[in-house]
Amino acid sequence: MTYKEAIKLDLFQKQQQIIKWLKEYNCIKSSILYLNESIEDIVEAGMGVQYDKDVISKTNNFTSTVENAVIQMDKQDLTNTIKRMKNIIKAIDTGMKVLSDQEQEVIKKSCVENMYYYQFINGMAISTNTAKRLKKRALEKLALVIFGKE
């Protein structure tokens, strides 16, 4: 689901989408790094350097229009994917700034780190019900920041 499609959802669906993004947060950040490296690989592949063959021109660059177009399309697809993922990360980071410290902690532990409430509530000195209430309030705030007010 794209960011623009997610904007049209109702509050519950928006919150579920945010939870999904939060659970994937670390993977998305790692994927951005990997895809940036992939773009570099595509650019290098586009140079067409082949040292195992005889040199047929002054440079080892290929001049095929089709190959250049395919490389450009691959690079553009990856660039668009990276941009979409960066927008998700930026939206989450921006939304997290408006949360209280306790709300941030509950969201990080329960969604990003995928911990159960019993695993972190004692360290925060709160009850399970309080943690659930903080998570609900935090998701409402995140939905407002990320998707705006209807």
C-alpha atoms as a PDB file:
ATOM      1  CA  MET A   1       0.000   0.000   0.000  1.00  0.00           C
ATOM      2  CA  THR A   2       1.383   3.376  -0.924  1.00  0.00           C
ATOM      3  CA  TYR A   3       1.447   6.354   1.385  1.00  0.00           C
ATOM      4  CA  LYS A   4      -1.185   8.165  -0.710  1.00  0.00           C
ATOM      5  CA  GLU A   5      -3.553   5.179  -0.574  1.00  0.00           C
ATOM      6  CA  ALA A   6      -3.136   4.942   3.184  1.00  0.00           C
ATOM      7  CA  ILE A   7      -4.296   8.553   3.636  1.00  0.00           C
ATOM      8  CA  LYS A   8      -7.803   7.560   2.478  1.00  0.00           C
ATOM      9  CA  LEU A   9      -8.310   4.911   5.185  1.00  0.00           C
ATOM     10  CA  ASP A  10     -10.483   5.213   8.297  1.00  0.00           C
ATOM     11  CA  LEU A  11      -8.890   5.697  11.736  1.00  0.00           C
ATOM     12  CA  PHE A  12      -8.678   1.991  12.644  1.00  0.00           C
ATOM     13  CA  GLN A  13      -7.156   1.101   9.288  1.00  0.00           C
ATOM     14  CA  LYS A  14      -4.744   4.023   9.582  1.00  0.00           C
ATOM     15  CA  GLN A  15      -3.643   2.813  12.987  1.00  0.00           C
ATOM     16  CA  GLN A  16      -3.170  -0.716  11.647  1.00  0.00           C
ATOM     17  CA  GLN A  17      -1.103   0.671   8.764  1.00  0.00           C
ATOM     18  CA  ILE A  18       1.035   2.637  11.231  1.00  0.00           C
ATOM     19  CA  ILE A  19       1.560  -0.501  13.330  1.00  0.00           C
ATOM     20  CA  LYS A  20       2.642  -2.358  10.187  1.00  0.00           C
ATOM     21  CA  TRP A  21       5.099   0.410   9.296  1.00  0.00           C
ATOM     22  CA  LEU A  22       6.416   0.475  12.868  1.00  0.00           C
ATOM     23  CA  LYS A  23       6.972  -3.297  12.846  1.00  0.00           C
ATOM     24  CA  GLU A  24       8.837  -2.924   9.533  1.00  0.00           C
ATOM     25  CA  TYR A  25      10.682   0.255  10.592  1.00  0.00           C
ATOM     26  CA  ASN A  26      14.148  -1.273  11.030  1.00  0.00           C
ATOM     27  CA  CYS A  27      13.761  -3.415   7.908  1.00  0.00           C
ATOM     28  CA  ILE A  28      12.715  -0.390   5.850  1.00  0.00           C
ATOM     29  CA  LYS A  29      15.764   1.568   7.034  1.00  0.00           C
ATOM     30  CA  SER A  30      18.065  -1.357   6.163  1.00  0.00           C
ATOM     31  CA  SER A  31      16.357  -1.794   2.826  1.00  0.00           C
ATOM     32  CA  ILE A  32      16.983   1.848   1.929  1.00  0.00           C
ATOM     33  CA  LEU A  33      20.713   1.302   2.457  1.00  0.00           C
ATOM     34  CA  TYR A  34      20.662  -1.907   0.427  1.00  0.00           C
ATOM     35  CA  LEU A  35      18.711  -0.363  -2.447  1.00  0.00           C
ATOM     36  CA  ASN A  36      21.111   2.589  -2.579  1.00  0.00           C
ATOM     37  CA  GLU A  37      23.927   0.073  -3.019  1.00  0.00           C
ATOM     38  CA  SER A  38      21.878  -1.671  -5.719  1.00  0.00           C
ATOM     39  CA  ILE A  39      21.622   1.601  -7.609  1.00  0.00           C
ATOM     40  CA  GLU A  40      25.399   1.903  -7.488  1.00  0.00           C
ATOM     41  CA  ASP A  41      25.670  -1.656  -8.839  1.00  0.00           C
ATOM     42  CA  ILE A  42      23.288  -0.836 -11.677  1.00  0.00           C
ATOM     43  CA  VAL A  43      25.295   2.247 -12.563  1.00  0.00           C
ATOM     44  CA  GLU A  44      28.508   0.219 -12.534  1.00  0.00           C
ATOM     45  CA  ALA A  45      26.900  -2.506 -14.658  1.00  0.00           C
ATOM     46  CA  GLY A  46      25.803   0.173 -17.076  1.00  0.00           C
ATOM     47  CA  MET A  47      29.407   1.073 -17.712  1.00  0.00           C
ATOM     48  CA  GLY A  48      29.780  -2.279 -19.381  1.00  0.00           C
ATOM     49  CA  VAL A  49      33.393  -2.863 -18.440  1.00  0.00           C
ATOM     50  CA  GLN A  50      34.472  -6.311 -19.511  1.00  0.00           C
ATOM     51  CA  TYR A  51      38.150  -6.977 -19.091  1.00  0.00           C
ATOM     52  CA  ASP A  52      37.996 -10.540 -20.352  1.00  0.00           C
ATOM     53  CA  LYS A  53      37.201  -9.496 -23.936  1.00  0.00           C
ATOM     54  CA  ASP A  54      39.262  -7.645 -26.503  1.00  0.00           C
ATOM     55  CA  VAL A  55      38.970  -3.887 -26.471  1.00  0.00           C
ATOM     56  CA  ILE A  56      36.914  -2.796 -29.463  1.00  0.00           C
ATOM     57  CA  SER A  57      36.806   0.904 -28.708  1.00  0.00           C
ATOM     58  CA  LYS A  58      38.706   3.519 -26.735  1.00  0.00           C
ATOM     59  CA  THR A  59      36.431   2.943 -23.742  1.00  0.00           C
ATOM     60  CA  ASN A  60      34.761  -0.192 -22.497  1.00  0.00           C
ATOM     61  CA  ASN A  61      31.380   1.509 -22.233  1.00  0.00           C
ATOM     62  CA  PHE A  62      28.547   0.041 -24.243  1.00  0.00           C
ATOM     63  CA  THR A  63      26.450   2.235 -26.433  1.00  0.00           C
ATOM     64  CA  SER A  64      23.283   0.190 -26.758  1.00  0.00           C
ATOM     65  CA  THR A  65      20.225   2.389 -26.467  1.00  0.00           C
ATOM     66  CA  VAL A  66      18.115  -0.511 -25.207  1.00  0.00           C
ATOM     67  CA  GLU A  67      20.599  -1.435 -22.475  1.00  0.00           C
ATOM     68  CA  ASN A  68      20.875   2.197 -21.420  1.00  0.00           C
ATOM     69  CA  ALA A  69      17.061   2.485 -21.283  1.00  0.00           C
ATOM     70  CA  VAL A  70      16.709  -0.690 -19.201  1.00  0.00           C
ATOM     71  CA  ILE A  71      19.382   0.469 -16.772  1.00  0.00           C
ATOM     72  CA  GLN A  72      17.712   3.874 -16.497  1.00  0.00           C
ATOM     73  CA  MET A  73      14.310   2.237 -15.820  1.00  0.00           C
ATOM     74  CA  ASP A  74      15.787  -0.052 -13.148  1.00  0.00           C
ATOM     75  CA  LYS A  75      17.506   2.894 -11.525  1.00  0.00           C
ATOM     76  CA  GLN A  76      14.293   4.958 -11.645  1.00  0.00           C
ATOM     77  CA  ASP A  77      12.222   2.119 -10.124  1.00  0.00           C
ATOM     78  CA  LEU A  78      14.689   1.737  -7.266  1.00  0.00           C
ATOM     79  CA  THR A  79      14.844   5.494  -6.771  1.00  0.00           C
ATOM     80  CA  ASN A  80      11.038   5.674  -6.514  1.00  0.00           C
ATOM     81  CA  THR A  81      10.979   2.773  -4.050  1.00  0.00           C
ATOM     82  CA  ILE A  82      13.655   4.430  -1.921  1.00  0.00           C
ATOM     83  CA  LYS A  83      11.769   7.731  -1.987  1.00  0.00           C
ATOM     84  CA  ARG A  84       8.538   6.028  -0.876  1.00  0.00           C
ATOM     85  CA  MET A  85      10.328   4.226   1.968  1.00  0.00           C
ATOM     86  CA  LYS A  86      12.101   7.411   3.070  1.00  0.00           C
ATOM     87  CA  ASN A  87       8.709   9.147   3.219  1.00  0.00           C
ATOM     88  CA  ILE A  88       7.399   6.403   5.530  1.00  0.00           C
ATOM     89  CA  ILE A  89      10.462   6.663   7.797  1.00  0.00           C
ATOM     90  CA  LYS A  90      10.214  10.460   7.846  1.00  0.00           C
ATOM     91  CA  ALA A  91       6.498  10.309   8.687  1.00  0.00           C
ATOM     92  CA  ILE A  92       7.120   7.913  11.569  1.00  0.00           C
ATOM     93  CA  ASP A  93      10.059   9.938  12.892  1.00  0.00           C
ATOM     94  CA  THR A  94       8.026  13.160  12.705  1.00  0.00           C
ATOM     95  CA  GLY A  95       5.069  11.527  14.428  1.00  0.00           C
ATOM     96  CA  MET A  96       7.240  10.105  17.211  1.00  0.00           C
ATOM     97  CA  LYS A  97       8.411  13.619  18.113  1.00  0.00           C
ATOM     98  CA  VAL A  98       4.919  14.632  19.300  1.00  0.00           C
ATOM     99  CA  LEU A  99       4.556  11.655  21.646  1.00  0.00           C
ATOM    100  CA  SER A 100       5.344  11.770  25.344  1.00  0.00           C
ATOM    101  CA  ASP A 101       8.372   9.823  26.551  1.00  0.00           C
ATOM    102  CA  GLN A 102       6.155   7.041  27.906  1.00  0.00           C
ATOM    103  CA  GLU A 103       4.150   6.849  24.680  1.00  0.00           C
ATOM    104  CA  GLN A 104       7.357   6.646  22.649  1.00  0.00           C
ATOM    105  CA  GLU A 105       8.697   3.897  24.882  1.00  0.00           C
ATOM    106  CA  VAL A 106       5.503   1.832  24.629  1.00  0.00           C
ATOM    107  CA  ILE A 107       5.383   2.229  20.835  1.00  0.00           C
ATOM    108  CA  LYS A 108       9.060   1.327  20.431  1.00  0.00           C
ATOM    109  CA  LYS A 109       8.822  -1.707  22.693  1.00  0.00           C
ATOM    110  CA  SER A 110       5.466  -3.058  21.517  1.00  0.00           C
ATOM    111  CA  CYS A 111       5.651  -2.251  17.807  1.00  0.00           C
ATOM    112  CA  VAL A 112       9.221  -1.678  16.645  1.00  0.00           C
ATOM    113  CA  GLU A 113      10.866  -4.232  18.961  1.00  0.00           C
ATOM    114  CA  ASN A 114       7.764  -6.491  18.871  1.00  0.00           C
ATOM    115  CA  MET A 115       7.834  -7.132  22.624  1.00  0.00           C
ATOM    116  CA  TYR A 116       4.883  -8.307  24.694  1.00  0.00           C
ATOM    117  CA  TYR A 117       3.583  -5.946  27.365  1.00  0.00           C
ATOM    118  CA  TYR A 118       4.740  -8.198  30.209  1.00  0.00           C
ATOM    119  CA  GLN A 119       8.298  -7.947  28.869  1.00  0.00           C
ATOM    120  CA  PHE A 120       8.606  -4.196  29.402  1.00  0.00           C
ATOM    121  CA  ILE A 121       5.892  -2.850  31.713  1.00  0.00           C
ATOM    122  CA  ASN A 122       7.816  -3.625  34.914  1.00  0.00           C
ATOM    123  CA  GLY A 123      10.808  -1.647  33.670  1.00  0.00           C
ATOM    124  CA  MET A 124       8.507   1.292  32.948  1.00  0.00           C
ATOM    125  CA  ALA A 125       6.643   0.874  36.262  1.00  0.00           C
ATOM    126  CA  ILE A 126       3.223   0.845  34.588  1.00  0.00           C
ATOM    127  CA  SER A 127       0.387  -1.669  34.347  1.00  0.00           C
ATOM    128  CA  THR A 128      -0.640  -3.575  31.240  1.00  0.00           C
ATOM    129  CA  ASN A 129      -3.814  -1.489  31.009  1.00  0.00           C
ATOM    130  CA  THR A 130      -1.809   1.730  31.201  1.00  0.00           C
ATOM    131  CA  ALA A 131       0.544   0.463  28.477  1.00  0.00           C
ATOM    132  CA  LYS A 132      -2.427  -0.384  26.255  1.00  0.00           C
ATOM    133  CA  ARG A 133      -3.971   3.035  26.896  1.00  0.00           C
ATOM    134  CA  LEU A 134      -0.650   4.768  26.100  1.00  0.00           C
ATOM    135  CA  LYS A 135      -0.307   2.756  22.891  1.00  0.00           C
ATOM    136  CA  LYS A 136      -3.864   3.612  21.814  1.00  0.00           C
ATOM    137  CA  ARG A 137      -3.335   7.318  22.503  1.00  0.00           C
ATOM    138  CA  ALA A 138       0.042   7.260  20.737  1.00  0.00           C
ATOM    139  CA  LEU A 139      -1.437   5.594  17.650  1.00  0.00           C
ATOM    140  CA  GLU A 140      -4.183   8.240  17.532  1.00  0.00           C
ATOM    141  CA  LYS A 141      -1.550  10.979  17.656  1.00  0.00           C
ATOM    142  CA  LEU A 142       0.591   9.262  15.022  1.00  0.00           C
ATOM    143  CA  ALA A 143      -2.434   8.895  12.743  1.00  0.00           C
ATOM    144  CA  LEU A 144      -3.187  12.598  13.127  1.00  0.00           C
ATOM    145  CA  VAL A 145       0.401  13.623  12.379  1.00  0.00           C
ATOM    146  CA  ILE A 146       0.953  11.179   9.505  1.00  0.00           C
ATOM    147  CA  PHE A 147      -2.434  11.308   7.783  1.00  0.00           C
ATOM    148  CA  GLY A 148      -3.739  14.689   8.926  1.00  0.00           C
ATOM    149  CA  LYS A 149      -7.144  15.617  10.228  1.00  0.00           C
ATOM    150  CA  GLU A 150     -10.119  14.648   8.117  1.00  0.00           C
END
